[in-house]
Amino acid sequence: KRPFGRVEELVRVKGFGKKKFLKLRAHLALSGPTTLKVEKVPPAPGREGLATNP
């Protein structure tokens, strides 16, 4: 809904508890370049042009 103000706010995310946060804390940052890689998935054969939300 909104960007995190502090890395500690991650523990509010379902499935991301204190243990995981403490393990990953040194690798977390709120600013700087992203390392997220987005891959485009081609449509399945025979499904080109089909509406996904009619």
Protein backbone atom coordinates (compact mmCIF):
# COMPACT_ATOMS: atom_id res chain seq x y z
CA LYS A 1 0.00 0.00 0.00
CA ARG A 2 2.89 2.35 0.72
CA PRO A 3 6.70 2.17 0.73
CA PHE A 4 8.47 1.02 3.87
CA GLY A 5 9.92 3.80 6.01
CA ARG A 6 12.26 1.48 7.93
CA VAL A 7 13.52 -2.03 7.21
CA GLU A 8 12.09 -3.13 10.56
CA GLU A 9 8.59 -2.71 9.09
CA LEU A 10 9.12 -5.90 7.07
CA VAL A 11 8.17 -8.01 10.08
CA ARG A 12 4.57 -6.83 9.53
CA VAL A 13 4.47 -8.73 6.24
CA LYS A 14 2.74 -12.09 6.53
CA GLY A 15 5.33 -14.88 6.39
CA PHE A 16 8.26 -12.58 7.19
CA GLY A 17 8.91 -12.89 10.91
CA LYS A 18 11.58 -11.70 13.30
CA LYS A 19 13.85 -14.71 12.74
CA LYS A 20 13.94 -14.20 8.98
CA PHE A 21 14.39 -10.45 9.43
CA LEU A 22 17.35 -10.90 11.76
CA LYS A 23 18.95 -13.37 9.34
CA LEU A 24 18.58 -11.03 6.34
CA ARG A 25 18.93 -7.62 8.02
CA ALA A 26 22.48 -6.98 6.75
CA HIS A 27 21.24 -7.40 3.17
CA LEU A 28 18.17 -5.15 3.38
CA ALA A 29 18.03 -1.55 2.15
CA LEU A 30 15.30 0.96 1.40
CA SER A 31 17.20 3.02 -1.14
CA GLY A 32 19.62 2.46 -3.98
CA PRO A 33 19.36 0.49 -7.19
CA THR A 34 17.04 -2.48 -7.33
CA THR A 35 18.26 -6.00 -7.99
CA LEU A 36 14.79 -7.17 -9.05
CA LYS A 37 14.81 -8.88 -12.43
CA VAL A 38 11.50 -9.02 -14.30
CA GLU A 39 11.07 -11.67 -16.95
CA LYS A 40 8.39 -11.41 -19.60
CA VAL A 41 6.46 -14.65 -20.00
CA PRO A 42 5.24 -15.31 -23.52
CA PRO A 43 1.59 -16.35 -23.89
CA ALA A 44 0.87 -20.06 -24.10
CA PRO A 45 0.55 -21.40 -27.67
CA GLY A 46 -2.95 -20.96 -29.01
CA ARG A 47 -3.87 -18.34 -26.39
CA GLU A 48 -2.73 -15.21 -28.25
CA GLY A 49 -5.36 -12.51 -28.38
CA LEU A 50 -7.58 -13.94 -25.67
CA ALA A 51 -8.97 -11.45 -23.19
CA THR A 52 -7.76 -12.11 -19.64
CA ASN A 53 -10.45 -9.99 -17.97
CA PRO A 54 -13.57 -9.92 -20.19
